[in-house]
């Protein structure tokens, strides 16, 4: 019996001591190009829902901001997240972005040497119907 218990603990130890990242939280990305600036704010809730807000500002008209919004759900398998959203027929003036079928992964990212080895969590989209999101790194904001 004692050998069985030792063997069980031996097999379970990697699972017990594996570090898991807290997925839920707010993620942010500001992307700039010559003609406009885009800000993404992605909020992942613990119960598995999300909200994505996109703010686009044209450089020629800095006072005019176009906002797009989407809600949906996310599932996590390890560090890989899969997003599901309303079907295209359900989109309206308020919900105009489509992350449905997008796949992203969470990764710790070591900051520069001047930050004394601190890390931050980033969410990188590998696959998305929104072509401009693929490969971009959303930084998880600290909760204060």
N, C-alpha and C. Protein backbone atom coordinates (compact mmCIF):
# COMPACT_ATOMS: atom_id res chain seq x y z
N UNK A 1 0.82 -1.19 0.00
CA UNK A 1 0.00 0.00 0.00
C UNK A 1 0.87 1.26 0.00
N UNK A 2 1.92 1.22 0.81
CA UNK A 2 2.80 2.38 0.90
C UNK A 2 3.48 2.65 -0.44
N UNK A 3 3.86 1.60 -1.14
CA UNK A 3 4.49 1.76 -2.45
C UNK A 3 3.52 2.37 -3.46
N UNK A 4 2.25 1.97 -3.36
CA UNK A 4 1.24 2.53 -4.27
C UNK A 4 1.04 4.02 -4.02
N UNK A 5 1.02 4.41 -2.76
CA UNK A 5 0.86 5.81 -2.41
C UNK A 5 2.06 6.63 -2.88
N UNK A 6 3.26 6.11 -2.70
CA UNK A 6 4.47 6.80 -3.16
C UNK A 6 4.46 6.94 -4.67
N UNK A 7 4.07 5.89 -5.37
CA UNK A 7 4.00 5.92 -6.83
C UNK A 7 2.96 6.94 -7.31
N UNK A 8 1.82 6.98 -6.64
CA UNK A 8 0.78 7.94 -6.99
C UNK A 8 1.27 9.37 -6.81
N UNK A 9 1.92 9.66 -5.70
CA UNK A 9 2.45 11.00 -5.46
C UNK A 9 3.53 11.37 -6.46
N UNK A 10 4.33 10.41 -6.85
CA UNK A 10 5.39 10.64 -7.83
C UNK A 10 4.80 11.07 -9.17
N UNK A 11 3.74 10.40 -9.60
CA UNK A 11 3.11 10.75 -10.87
C UNK A 11 2.33 12.05 -10.81
N UNK A 12 1.80 12.39 -9.65
CA UNK A 12 1.00 13.61 -9.52
C UNK A 12 1.83 14.85 -9.27
N UNK A 13 3.05 14.71 -8.84
CA UNK A 13 3.86 15.88 -8.48
C UNK A 13 4.04 16.88 -9.61
N UNK A 14 4.27 16.47 -10.86
CA UNK A 14 4.39 17.49 -11.91
C UNK A 14 3.09 18.29 -12.07
N UNK A 15 1.96 17.66 -11.89
CA UNK A 15 0.68 18.35 -12.02
C UNK A 15 0.49 19.32 -10.86
N UNK A 16 0.83 18.90 -9.67
CA UNK A 16 0.65 19.73 -8.49
C UNK A 16 1.53 20.97 -8.54
N UNK A 17 2.77 20.82 -9.00
CA UNK A 17 3.71 21.92 -8.97
C UNK A 17 3.77 22.71 -10.27
N UNK A 18 3.00 22.31 -11.28
CA UNK A 18 3.00 23.05 -12.53
C UNK A 18 2.40 24.43 -12.30
N UNK A 19 3.05 25.44 -12.83
CA UNK A 19 2.52 26.79 -12.68
C UNK A 19 1.51 27.03 -13.79
N UNK A 20 0.37 27.54 -13.41
CA UNK A 20 -0.63 27.90 -14.40
C UNK A 20 -0.82 29.41 -14.34
N UNK A 21 -1.00 30.00 -15.51
CA UNK A 21 -1.21 31.44 -15.57
C UNK A 21 -2.68 31.73 -15.35
N UNK A 22 -2.95 32.79 -14.67
CA UNK A 22 -4.31 33.24 -14.47
C UNK A 22 -4.76 33.91 -15.77
N UNK A 23 -5.68 33.26 -16.47
CA UNK A 23 -6.10 33.73 -17.79
C UNK A 23 -6.98 34.97 -17.69
N UNK A 24 -7.92 34.96 -16.75
CA UNK A 24 -8.88 36.06 -16.64
C UNK A 24 -8.16 37.37 -16.36
N UNK A 25 -8.68 38.43 -16.95
CA UNK A 25 -8.12 39.76 -16.74
C UNK A 25 -8.30 40.63 -17.96
N UNK A 26 -7.68 41.79 -17.93
CA UNK A 26 -7.78 42.76 -19.02
C UNK A 26 -6.47 42.79 -19.79
N UNK A 27 -6.58 42.78 -21.11
CA UNK A 27 -5.44 42.79 -22.00
C UNK A 27 -5.53 44.03 -22.90
N UNK A 28 -4.39 44.58 -23.27
CA UNK A 28 -4.38 45.85 -24.00
C UNK A 28 -3.32 45.82 -25.09
N UNK A 29 -3.64 46.47 -26.19
CA UNK A 29 -2.67 46.65 -27.27
C UNK A 29 -2.97 47.96 -27.97
N UNK A 30 -1.93 48.74 -28.18
CA UNK A 30 -2.04 49.99 -28.96
C UNK A 30 -1.14 49.82 -30.16
N UNK A 31 -1.73 49.95 -31.34
CA UNK A 31 -1.02 49.73 -32.59
C UNK A 31 -1.12 50.99 -33.43
N UNK A 32 0.02 51.49 -33.92
CA UNK A 32 0.02 52.72 -34.70
C UNK A 32 0.64 52.48 -36.06
N UNK A 33 0.06 53.13 -37.05
CA UNK A 33 0.66 53.14 -38.38
C UNK A 33 0.58 54.57 -38.91
N UNK A 34 0.94 54.77 -40.15
CA UNK A 34 1.01 56.12 -40.70
C UNK A 34 -0.32 56.87 -40.66
N UNK A 35 -1.42 56.20 -41.01
CA UNK A 35 -2.68 56.91 -41.16
C UNK A 35 -3.62 56.83 -39.96
N UNK A 36 -3.42 55.85 -39.08
CA UNK A 36 -4.33 55.71 -37.95
C UNK A 36 -3.70 54.97 -36.77
N UNK A 37 -4.44 54.99 -35.68
CA UNK A 37 -4.03 54.31 -34.44
C UNK A 37 -5.19 53.42 -34.00
N UNK A 38 -4.88 52.20 -33.58
CA UNK A 38 -5.91 51.28 -33.11
C UNK A 38 -5.57 50.86 -31.69
N UNK A 39 -6.56 50.92 -30.80
CA UNK A 39 -6.41 50.43 -29.44
C UNK A 39 -7.37 49.27 -29.25
N UNK A 40 -6.84 48.16 -28.75
CA UNK A 40 -7.66 46.99 -28.44
C UNK A 40 -7.71 46.83 -26.93
N UNK A 41 -8.89 46.63 -26.40
CA UNK A 41 -9.08 46.32 -24.99
C UNK A 41 -9.89 45.04 -24.92
N UNK A 42 -9.26 43.97 -24.43
CA UNK A 42 -9.88 42.66 -24.35
C UNK A 42 -10.02 42.27 -22.89
N UNK A 43 -11.24 42.01 -22.48
CA UNK A 43 -11.51 41.65 -21.09
C UNK A 43 -11.99 40.20 -21.05
N UNK A 44 -11.21 39.33 -20.39
CA UNK A 44 -11.57 37.92 -20.24
C UNK A 44 -12.10 37.71 -18.82
N UNK A 45 -13.33 37.28 -18.72
CA UNK A 45 -13.96 37.04 -17.42
C UNK A 45 -13.69 35.60 -16.98
N UNK A 46 -13.67 35.38 -15.67
CA UNK A 46 -13.38 34.05 -15.12
C UNK A 46 -14.40 33.01 -15.54
N UNK A 47 -15.66 33.40 -15.76
CA UNK A 47 -16.68 32.42 -16.10
C UNK A 47 -16.62 32.01 -17.58
N UNK A 48 -15.68 32.60 -18.35
CA UNK A 48 -15.48 32.18 -19.73
C UNK A 48 -16.07 33.11 -20.77
N UNK A 49 -16.50 34.30 -20.40
CA UNK A 49 -16.99 35.25 -21.39
C UNK A 49 -15.90 36.29 -21.65
N UNK A 50 -16.03 36.99 -22.77
CA UNK A 50 -15.08 38.06 -23.07
C UNK A 50 -15.80 39.22 -23.74
N UNK A 51 -15.15 40.37 -23.70
CA UNK A 51 -15.61 41.54 -24.44
C UNK A 51 -14.38 42.18 -25.07
N UNK A 52 -14.47 42.44 -26.36
CA UNK A 52 -13.38 43.11 -27.09
C UNK A 52 -13.89 44.45 -27.58
N UNK A 53 -13.18 45.51 -27.22
CA UNK A 53 -13.48 46.85 -27.71
C UNK A 53 -12.30 47.32 -28.55
N UNK A 54 -12.61 47.83 -29.74
CA UNK A 54 -11.60 48.34 -30.65
C UNK A 54 -11.88 49.80 -30.92
N UNK A 55 -10.86 50.65 -30.72
CA UNK A 55 -11.00 52.08 -30.94
C UNK A 55 -10.01 52.48 -32.04
N UNK A 56 -10.53 53.00 -33.15
CA UNK A 56 -9.70 53.42 -34.26
C UNK A 56 -9.76 54.93 -34.39
N UNK A 57 -8.60 55.56 -34.43
CA UNK A 57 -8.51 57.01 -34.58
C UNK A 57 -7.71 57.32 -35.84
N UNK A 58 -8.31 58.08 -36.75
CA UNK A 58 -7.61 58.53 -37.95
C UNK A 58 -6.69 59.68 -37.56
N UNK A 59 -5.47 59.68 -38.05
CA UNK A 59 -4.51 60.74 -37.71
C UNK A 59 -4.97 62.11 -38.22
N UNK A 60 -5.66 62.12 -39.35
CA UNK A 60 -6.09 63.40 -39.92
C UNK A 60 -7.23 64.02 -39.12
N UNK A 61 -7.94 63.18 -38.35
CA UNK A 61 -9.07 63.67 -37.56
C UNK A 61 -9.02 63.03 -36.18
N UNK A 62 -8.09 63.49 -35.37
CA UNK A 62 -7.83 62.86 -34.06
C UNK A 62 -9.04 62.90 -33.14
N UNK A 63 -9.97 63.80 -33.39
CA UNK A 63 -11.14 63.89 -32.51
C UNK A 63 -12.19 62.83 -32.83
N UNK A 64 -12.12 62.22 -34.01
CA UNK A 64 -13.11 61.22 -34.40
C UNK A 64 -12.58 59.81 -34.12
N UNK A 65 -13.27 59.11 -33.22
CA UNK A 65 -12.88 57.75 -32.85
C UNK A 65 -14.01 56.80 -33.25
N UNK A 66 -13.66 55.75 -33.97
CA UNK A 66 -14.63 54.74 -34.36
C UNK A 66 -14.48 53.56 -33.40
N UNK A 67 -15.56 53.18 -32.75
CA UNK A 67 -15.51 52.08 -31.79
C UNK A 67 -16.25 50.87 -32.35
N UNK A 68 -15.64 49.70 -32.19
CA UNK A 68 -16.27 48.43 -32.53
C UNK A 68 -16.25 47.57 -31.29
N UNK A 69 -17.24 46.70 -31.15
CA UNK A 69 -17.36 45.90 -29.94
C UNK A 69 -17.79 44.48 -30.29
N UNK A 70 -17.35 43.53 -29.47
CA UNK A 70 -17.78 42.15 -29.62
C UNK A 70 -17.84 41.48 -28.26
N UNK A 71 -18.76 40.57 -28.10
CA UNK A 71 -18.85 39.73 -26.91
C UNK A 71 -18.88 38.28 -27.35
N UNK A 72 -18.42 37.41 -26.48
CA UNK A 72 -18.44 35.98 -26.79
C UNK A 72 -17.92 35.18 -25.62
N UNK A 73 -17.48 33.97 -25.92
CA UNK A 73 -16.93 33.09 -24.89
C UNK A 73 -15.55 32.62 -25.30
N UNK A 74 -14.79 32.17 -24.30
CA UNK A 74 -13.46 31.62 -24.55
C UNK A 74 -13.30 30.33 -23.76
N UNK A 75 -12.50 29.44 -24.29
CA UNK A 75 -12.15 28.18 -23.63
C UNK A 75 -10.64 28.09 -23.58
N UNK A 76 -10.13 27.49 -22.51
CA UNK A 76 -8.69 27.36 -22.34
C UNK A 76 -8.31 25.89 -22.23
N UNK A 77 -7.31 25.51 -23.00
CA UNK A 77 -6.67 24.19 -22.86
C UNK A 77 -5.20 24.47 -22.65
N UNK A 78 -4.79 24.45 -21.39
CA UNK A 78 -3.42 24.82 -21.06
C UNK A 78 -3.23 26.29 -21.33
N UNK A 79 -2.26 26.63 -22.18
CA UNK A 79 -2.00 28.04 -22.49
C UNK A 79 -2.62 28.47 -23.82
N UNK A 80 -3.47 27.62 -24.41
CA UNK A 80 -4.11 27.94 -25.69
C UNK A 80 -5.57 28.31 -25.44
N UNK A 81 -5.99 29.44 -25.99
CA UNK A 81 -7.37 29.91 -25.84
C UNK A 81 -8.06 29.89 -27.19
N UNK A 82 -9.31 29.46 -27.19
CA UNK A 82 -10.14 29.45 -28.38
C UNK A 82 -11.34 30.35 -28.12
N UNK A 83 -11.62 31.23 -29.06
CA UNK A 83 -12.70 32.21 -28.91
C UNK A 83 -13.90 31.83 -29.77
N UNK A 84 -15.08 32.03 -29.23
CA UNK A 84 -16.33 31.83 -29.96
C UNK A 84 -17.18 33.07 -29.76
N UNK A 85 -17.85 33.48 -30.83
CA UNK A 85 -18.69 34.67 -30.73
C UNK A 85 -20.00 34.42 -31.45
N UNK A 86 -20.84 35.44 -31.44
CA UNK A 86 -22.11 35.35 -32.13
C UNK A 86 -21.88 34.98 -33.60
N UNK A 87 -22.88 34.37 -34.19
CA UNK A 87 -22.76 34.07 -35.61
C UNK A 87 -22.89 35.36 -36.41
N UNK A 88 -22.43 35.35 -37.64
CA UNK A 88 -22.43 36.55 -38.47
C UNK A 88 -23.83 37.12 -38.63
N UNK A 89 -24.84 36.27 -38.62
CA UNK A 89 -26.21 36.78 -38.80
C UNK A 89 -26.69 37.57 -37.58
N UNK A 90 -26.03 37.41 -36.42
CA UNK A 90 -26.42 38.12 -35.21
C UNK A 90 -25.71 39.45 -35.04
N UNK A 91 -24.78 39.78 -35.92
CA UNK A 91 -24.05 41.04 -35.77
C UNK A 91 -24.96 42.20 -36.12
N UNK A 92 -24.76 43.30 -35.45
CA UNK A 92 -25.53 44.51 -35.71
C UNK A 92 -24.61 45.70 -35.57
N UNK A 93 -25.17 46.89 -35.44
CA UNK A 93 -24.35 48.10 -35.34
C UNK A 93 -23.48 48.10 -34.10
N UNK A 94 -23.94 47.46 -33.03
CA UNK A 94 -23.18 47.47 -31.77
C UNK A 94 -22.07 46.41 -31.77
N UNK A 95 -22.35 45.22 -32.29
CA UNK A 95 -21.38 44.13 -32.29
C UNK A 95 -20.90 43.89 -33.71
N UNK A 96 -19.70 44.39 -34.01
CA UNK A 96 -19.24 44.42 -35.39
C UNK A 96 -17.93 43.69 -35.65
N UNK A 97 -17.25 43.23 -34.62
CA UNK A 97 -15.97 42.54 -34.77
C UNK A 97 -16.25 41.04 -34.67
N UNK A 98 -15.38 40.21 -35.26
CA UNK A 98 -15.65 38.78 -35.24
C UNK A 98 -14.40 37.99 -34.86
N UNK A 99 -14.29 37.59 -33.59
CA UNK A 99 -13.18 36.75 -33.12
C UNK A 99 -13.53 35.27 -33.21
N UNK A 100 -14.70 34.93 -33.73
CA UNK A 100 -15.14 33.55 -33.77
C UNK A 100 -14.09 32.67 -34.45
N UNK A 101 -13.68 31.60 -33.76
CA UNK A 101 -12.68 30.68 -34.30
C UNK A 101 -11.24 31.13 -34.09
N UNK A 102 -11.03 32.28 -33.50
CA UNK A 102 -9.66 32.75 -33.26
C UNK A 102 -8.99 31.90 -32.19
N UNK A 103 -7.69 31.71 -32.35
CA UNK A 103 -6.89 30.93 -31.40
C UNK A 103 -5.72 31.79 -30.96
N UNK A 104 -5.52 31.85 -29.64
CA UNK A 104 -4.42 32.63 -29.08
C UNK A 104 -3.72 31.80 -28.02
N UNK A 105 -2.52 32.21 -27.64
CA UNK A 105 -1.80 31.51 -26.58
C UNK A 105 -1.25 32.52 -25.59
N UNK A 106 -1.22 32.09 -24.34
CA UNK A 106 -0.67 32.91 -23.26
C UNK A 106 0.79 32.56 -23.08
N UNK A 107 1.60 33.58 -22.89
CA UNK A 107 3.02 33.34 -22.67
C UNK A 107 3.57 34.35 -21.68
N UNK A 108 4.46 33.92 -20.81
CA UNK A 108 5.17 34.90 -19.98
C UNK A 108 6.25 35.53 -20.85
N UNK A 109 6.45 36.82 -20.70
CA UNK A 109 7.47 37.52 -21.48
C UNK A 109 8.37 38.26 -20.51
N UNK A 110 9.66 37.99 -20.61
CA UNK A 110 10.63 38.66 -19.74
C UNK A 110 10.87 40.06 -20.27
N UNK A 111 10.77 41.04 -19.38
CA UNK A 111 11.00 42.42 -19.76
C UNK A 111 12.49 42.68 -19.89
N UNK A 112 12.86 43.85 -20.27
CA UNK A 112 14.27 44.18 -20.49
C UNK A 112 15.08 44.07 -19.19
N UNK A 113 16.37 44.05 -19.35
CA UNK A 113 17.28 43.92 -18.20
C UNK A 113 17.09 45.05 -17.20
N UNK A 114 16.67 46.21 -17.66
CA UNK A 114 16.48 47.35 -16.75
C UNK A 114 15.30 47.12 -15.81
N UNK A 115 14.43 46.17 -16.14
CA UNK A 115 13.28 45.87 -15.28
C UNK A 115 13.59 44.73 -14.31
N UNK A 116 14.85 44.40 -14.15
CA UNK A 116 15.31 43.41 -13.18
C UNK A 116 14.65 42.04 -13.34
N UNK A 117 14.51 41.59 -14.57
CA UNK A 117 14.01 40.24 -14.82
C UNK A 117 12.52 40.04 -14.58
N UNK A 118 11.76 41.10 -14.45
CA UNK A 118 10.32 40.97 -14.25
C UNK A 118 9.68 40.41 -15.51
N UNK A 119 8.56 39.74 -15.33
CA UNK A 119 7.85 39.20 -16.48
C UNK A 119 6.43 39.77 -16.52
N UNK A 120 5.86 39.74 -17.71
CA UNK A 120 4.47 40.10 -17.89
C UNK A 120 3.83 39.01 -18.73
N UNK A 121 2.52 38.91 -18.66
CA UNK A 121 1.80 37.92 -19.43
C UNK A 121 1.32 38.56 -20.72
N UNK A 122 1.57 37.89 -21.84
CA UNK A 122 1.09 38.38 -23.12
C UNK A 122 0.19 37.33 -23.76
N UNK A 123 -0.78 37.81 -24.52
CA UNK A 123 -1.71 36.97 -25.26
C UNK A 123 -1.42 37.21 -26.74
N UNK A 124 -0.98 36.16 -27.44
CA UNK A 124 -0.60 36.29 -28.85
C UNK A 124 -1.61 35.53 -29.70
N UNK A 125 -2.24 36.21 -30.65
CA UNK A 125 -3.19 35.57 -31.54
C UNK A 125 -2.44 34.88 -32.68
N UNK A 126 -2.62 33.56 -32.77
CA UNK A 126 -1.99 32.79 -33.85
C UNK A 126 -2.89 32.73 -35.07
N UNK A 127 -4.20 32.60 -34.84
CA UNK A 127 -5.16 32.45 -35.93
C UNK A 127 -6.35 33.35 -35.64
N UNK A 128 -6.78 34.11 -36.65
CA UNK A 128 -7.95 34.97 -36.48
C UNK A 128 -8.50 35.37 -37.83
N UNK A 129 -9.82 35.57 -37.88
CA UNK A 129 -10.45 36.09 -39.08
C UNK A 129 -10.16 37.58 -39.24
N UNK A 130 -9.75 38.23 -38.16
CA UNK A 130 -9.35 39.63 -38.21
C UNK A 130 -7.87 39.63 -38.58
N UNK A 131 -7.58 39.86 -39.86
CA UNK A 131 -6.23 39.69 -40.38
C UNK A 131 -5.19 40.54 -39.64
N UNK A 132 -5.58 41.70 -39.18
CA UNK A 132 -4.59 42.60 -38.56
C UNK A 132 -4.26 42.22 -37.13
N UNK A 133 -4.95 41.25 -36.54
CA UNK A 133 -4.70 40.84 -35.16
C UNK A 133 -3.66 39.71 -35.08
N UNK A 134 -3.56 38.90 -36.13
CA UNK A 134 -2.65 37.76 -36.09
C UNK A 134 -1.22 38.20 -35.79
N UNK A 135 -0.62 37.54 -34.79
CA UNK A 135 0.77 37.80 -34.43
C UNK A 135 0.97 38.94 -33.44
N UNK A 136 -0.08 39.69 -33.15
CA UNK A 136 0.08 40.81 -32.23
C UNK A 136 0.05 40.34 -30.78
N UNK A 137 0.76 41.06 -29.92
CA UNK A 137 0.87 40.70 -28.50
C UNK A 137 0.05 41.65 -27.64
N UNK A 138 -0.98 41.12 -27.02
CA UNK A 138 -1.79 41.88 -26.08
C UNK A 138 -1.15 41.70 -24.70
N UNK A 139 -0.89 42.78 -24.00
CA UNK A 139 -0.26 42.72 -22.68
C UNK A 139 -1.34 42.70 -21.61
N UNK A 140 -1.20 41.79 -20.65
CA UNK A 140 -2.14 41.72 -19.56
C UNK A 140 -1.87 42.87 -18.59
N UNK A 141 -2.93 43.62 -18.30
CA UNK A 141 -2.80 44.75 -17.39
C UNK A 141 -2.81 44.27 -15.95
N UNK A 142 -2.04 44.90 -15.11
CA UNK A 142 -2.00 44.56 -13.69
C UNK A 142 -3.29 45.00 -13.04
N UNK A 143 -3.77 44.20 -12.13
CA UNK A 143 -4.95 44.60 -11.35
C UNK A 143 -4.48 45.38 -10.16
N UNK A 144 -5.11 46.52 -9.92
CA UNK A 144 -4.66 47.37 -8.82
C UNK A 144 -5.70 47.41 -7.73
